[in-house]
């Protein structure tokens, strides 16, 4: 939720959880692991800002990745 109402009360902030095990098992090396985590965070932030899965996938296709 990018906006909150005063009636929401004391609500914890939104959070993205990245599960370590699956990423580590799939990663070929440390750089690949970094790339996978960056892609996962980018994907989930896109959902946070209201994009559905189709929109996220299309944006990922157009996304320019920057080197670390």
N, C-alpha and C. Protein backbone atom coordinates (compact mmCIF):
# COMPACT_ATOMS: atom_id res chain seq x y z
N UNK A 1 0.85 -1.17 0.00
CA UNK A 1 0.00 0.00 0.00
C UNK A 1 0.89 1.24 0.00
N UNK A 2 0.76 2.04 -1.01
CA UNK A 2 1.59 3.25 -1.07
C UNK A 2 0.99 4.41 -0.29
N UNK A 3 -0.26 4.26 0.13
CA UNK A 3 -0.90 5.31 0.92
C UNK A 3 -1.61 4.68 2.11
N UNK A 4 -1.66 5.41 3.18
CA UNK A 4 -2.35 4.95 4.39
C UNK A 4 -3.33 6.03 4.84
N UNK A 5 -4.31 5.62 5.56
CA UNK A 5 -5.32 6.52 6.10
C UNK A 5 -5.06 6.72 7.58
N UNK A 6 -5.54 7.82 8.13
CA UNK A 6 -5.41 8.03 9.57
C UNK A 6 -6.18 6.97 10.35
N UNK A 7 -7.17 6.35 9.71
CA UNK A 7 -7.94 5.31 10.40
C UNK A 7 -7.22 3.96 10.42
N UNK A 8 -6.08 3.86 9.74
CA UNK A 8 -5.31 2.61 9.75
C UNK A 8 -4.67 2.35 11.10
N UNK A 9 -4.50 3.38 11.90
CA UNK A 9 -3.89 3.20 13.21
C UNK A 9 -2.42 2.88 13.11
N UNK A 10 -1.92 2.24 14.13
CA UNK A 10 -0.50 1.90 14.16
C UNK A 10 -0.27 0.57 13.46
N UNK A 11 0.13 0.66 12.21
CA UNK A 11 0.35 -0.52 11.38
C UNK A 11 1.83 -0.60 11.06
N UNK A 12 2.37 -1.79 11.13
CA UNK A 12 3.78 -1.96 10.78
C UNK A 12 3.99 -1.63 9.31
N UNK A 13 5.18 -1.16 8.95
CA UNK A 13 5.44 -0.86 7.54
C UNK A 13 5.41 -2.13 6.68
N UNK A 14 5.14 -1.94 5.41
CA UNK A 14 5.17 -3.06 4.47
C UNK A 14 6.59 -3.62 4.41
N UNK A 15 6.68 -4.89 4.05
CA UNK A 15 7.99 -5.53 4.03
C UNK A 15 8.05 -6.53 2.88
N UNK A 16 9.24 -6.64 2.32
CA UNK A 16 9.52 -7.67 1.31
C UNK A 16 10.42 -8.70 1.97
N UNK A 17 10.02 -9.95 1.92
CA UNK A 17 10.82 -11.03 2.49
C UNK A 17 11.46 -11.81 1.36
N UNK A 18 12.76 -11.94 1.42
CA UNK A 18 13.49 -12.72 0.42
C UNK A 18 13.99 -13.98 1.11
N UNK A 19 13.61 -15.12 0.59
CA UNK A 19 14.01 -16.37 1.20
C UNK A 19 15.41 -16.76 0.69
N UNK A 20 16.31 -16.89 1.62
CA UNK A 20 17.73 -17.10 1.33
C UNK A 20 18.00 -18.43 0.63
N UNK A 21 17.43 -19.49 1.13
CA UNK A 21 17.74 -20.83 0.63
C UNK A 21 17.54 -21.01 -0.86
N UNK A 22 16.34 -20.70 -1.39
CA UNK A 22 16.13 -20.91 -2.83
C UNK A 22 17.07 -20.10 -3.70
N UNK A 23 17.35 -18.87 -3.29
CA UNK A 23 18.27 -18.04 -4.08
C UNK A 23 19.68 -18.64 -4.06
N UNK A 24 20.12 -19.06 -2.89
CA UNK A 24 21.48 -19.63 -2.80
C UNK A 24 21.58 -20.94 -3.58
N UNK A 25 20.53 -21.75 -3.57
CA UNK A 25 20.59 -23.02 -4.30
C UNK A 25 20.63 -22.81 -5.81
N UNK A 26 19.97 -21.76 -6.30
CA UNK A 26 19.92 -21.51 -7.73
C UNK A 26 21.11 -20.70 -8.26
N UNK A 27 21.77 -19.98 -7.38
CA UNK A 27 22.85 -19.09 -7.83
C UNK A 27 24.08 -19.88 -8.27
N UNK A 28 24.63 -19.44 -9.40
CA UNK A 28 25.85 -20.07 -9.91
C UNK A 28 27.09 -19.58 -9.18
N UNK A 29 27.06 -18.31 -8.76
CA UNK A 29 28.17 -17.71 -8.03
C UNK A 29 27.65 -16.48 -7.29
N UNK A 30 28.54 -15.78 -6.60
CA UNK A 30 28.12 -14.64 -5.78
C UNK A 30 27.51 -13.52 -6.63
N UNK A 31 28.07 -13.25 -7.80
CA UNK A 31 27.50 -12.20 -8.65
C UNK A 31 26.11 -12.57 -9.15
N UNK A 32 25.92 -13.83 -9.47
CA UNK A 32 24.59 -14.28 -9.90
C UNK A 32 23.60 -14.16 -8.75
N UNK A 33 24.03 -14.49 -7.52
CA UNK A 33 23.16 -14.35 -6.35
C UNK A 33 22.76 -12.89 -6.16
N UNK A 34 23.71 -11.98 -6.28
CA UNK A 34 23.39 -10.55 -6.16
C UNK A 34 22.37 -10.12 -7.21
N UNK A 35 22.56 -10.58 -8.43
CA UNK A 35 21.64 -10.24 -9.51
C UNK A 35 20.24 -10.79 -9.24
N UNK A 36 20.17 -12.02 -8.75
CA UNK A 36 18.87 -12.62 -8.44
C UNK A 36 18.15 -11.86 -7.33
N UNK A 37 18.87 -11.46 -6.30
CA UNK A 37 18.26 -10.71 -5.20
C UNK A 37 17.79 -9.35 -5.70
N UNK A 38 18.62 -8.68 -6.50
CA UNK A 38 18.22 -7.38 -7.06
C UNK A 38 16.96 -7.53 -7.91
N UNK A 39 16.91 -8.55 -8.74
CA UNK A 39 15.74 -8.77 -9.59
C UNK A 39 14.49 -9.06 -8.76
N UNK A 40 14.65 -9.84 -7.70
CA UNK A 40 13.51 -10.16 -6.83
C UNK A 40 12.97 -8.92 -6.15
N UNK A 41 13.86 -8.09 -5.61
CA UNK A 41 13.43 -6.86 -4.94
C UNK A 41 12.74 -5.94 -5.95
N UNK A 42 13.34 -5.78 -7.12
CA UNK A 42 12.74 -4.93 -8.16
C UNK A 42 11.34 -5.42 -8.50
N UNK A 43 11.18 -6.72 -8.68
CA UNK A 43 9.90 -7.34 -9.03
C UNK A 43 8.86 -7.05 -7.94
N UNK A 44 9.22 -7.25 -6.69
CA UNK A 44 8.27 -7.05 -5.60
C UNK A 44 7.94 -5.58 -5.37
N UNK A 45 8.88 -4.69 -5.56
CA UNK A 45 8.61 -3.25 -5.45
C UNK A 45 7.64 -2.83 -6.56
N UNK A 46 7.79 -3.40 -7.74
CA UNK A 46 6.86 -3.10 -8.83
C UNK A 46 5.43 -3.49 -8.43
N UNK A 47 5.28 -4.66 -7.80
CA UNK A 47 3.95 -5.06 -7.31
C UNK A 47 3.46 -4.08 -6.25
N UNK A 48 4.33 -3.66 -5.38
CA UNK A 48 3.97 -2.71 -4.32
C UNK A 48 3.36 -1.44 -4.91
N UNK A 49 3.91 -0.99 -6.03
CA UNK A 49 3.41 0.23 -6.66
C UNK A 49 2.24 -0.03 -7.62
N UNK A 50 1.65 -1.24 -7.55
CA UNK A 50 0.39 -1.48 -8.22
C UNK A 50 0.43 -2.22 -9.53
N UNK A 51 1.60 -2.66 -9.97
CA UNK A 51 1.67 -3.39 -11.23
C UNK A 51 1.22 -4.84 -11.02
N UNK A 52 0.42 -5.35 -11.97
CA UNK A 52 0.07 -6.77 -11.90
C UNK A 52 1.20 -7.58 -12.53
N UNK A 53 1.06 -8.90 -12.49
CA UNK A 53 2.15 -9.78 -12.96
C UNK A 53 2.49 -9.53 -14.43
N UNK A 54 1.48 -9.33 -15.27
CA UNK A 54 1.72 -9.09 -16.69
C UNK A 54 2.51 -7.80 -16.89
N UNK A 55 2.13 -6.75 -16.17
CA UNK A 55 2.83 -5.47 -16.28
C UNK A 55 4.26 -5.57 -15.77
N UNK A 56 4.45 -6.30 -14.68
CA UNK A 56 5.80 -6.47 -14.13
C UNK A 56 6.68 -7.21 -15.13
N UNK A 57 6.17 -8.29 -15.71
CA UNK A 57 6.96 -9.07 -16.68
C UNK A 57 7.33 -8.22 -17.90
N UNK A 58 6.40 -7.41 -18.37
CA UNK A 58 6.68 -6.54 -19.52
C UNK A 58 7.74 -5.50 -19.15
N UNK A 59 7.64 -4.95 -17.95
CA UNK A 59 8.63 -3.95 -17.51
C UNK A 59 9.99 -4.59 -17.30
N UNK A 60 10.01 -5.83 -16.82
CA UNK A 60 11.29 -6.54 -16.65
C UNK A 60 11.97 -6.73 -17.99
N UNK A 61 11.19 -7.01 -19.01
CA UNK A 61 11.75 -7.21 -20.34
C UNK A 61 12.44 -5.93 -20.84
N UNK A 62 11.84 -4.78 -20.50
CA UNK A 62 12.38 -3.49 -20.95
C UNK A 62 13.46 -2.93 -20.02
N UNK A 63 13.57 -3.51 -18.84
CA UNK A 63 14.47 -2.97 -17.80
C UNK A 63 15.94 -3.09 -18.22
N UNK A 64 16.65 -1.99 -17.98
CA UNK A 64 18.09 -1.98 -18.23
C UNK A 64 18.80 -2.27 -16.92
N UNK A 65 19.60 -3.32 -16.91
CA UNK A 65 20.32 -3.68 -15.68
C UNK A 65 21.65 -2.92 -15.65
N UNK A 66 21.96 -2.43 -14.46
CA UNK A 66 23.22 -1.71 -14.29
C UNK A 66 24.21 -2.60 -13.56
N UNK A 67 25.47 -2.54 -13.94
CA UNK A 67 26.47 -3.37 -13.25
C UNK A 67 26.67 -2.89 -11.80
N UNK A 68 27.08 -3.80 -10.95
CA UNK A 68 27.32 -3.45 -9.55
C UNK A 68 28.51 -2.54 -9.43
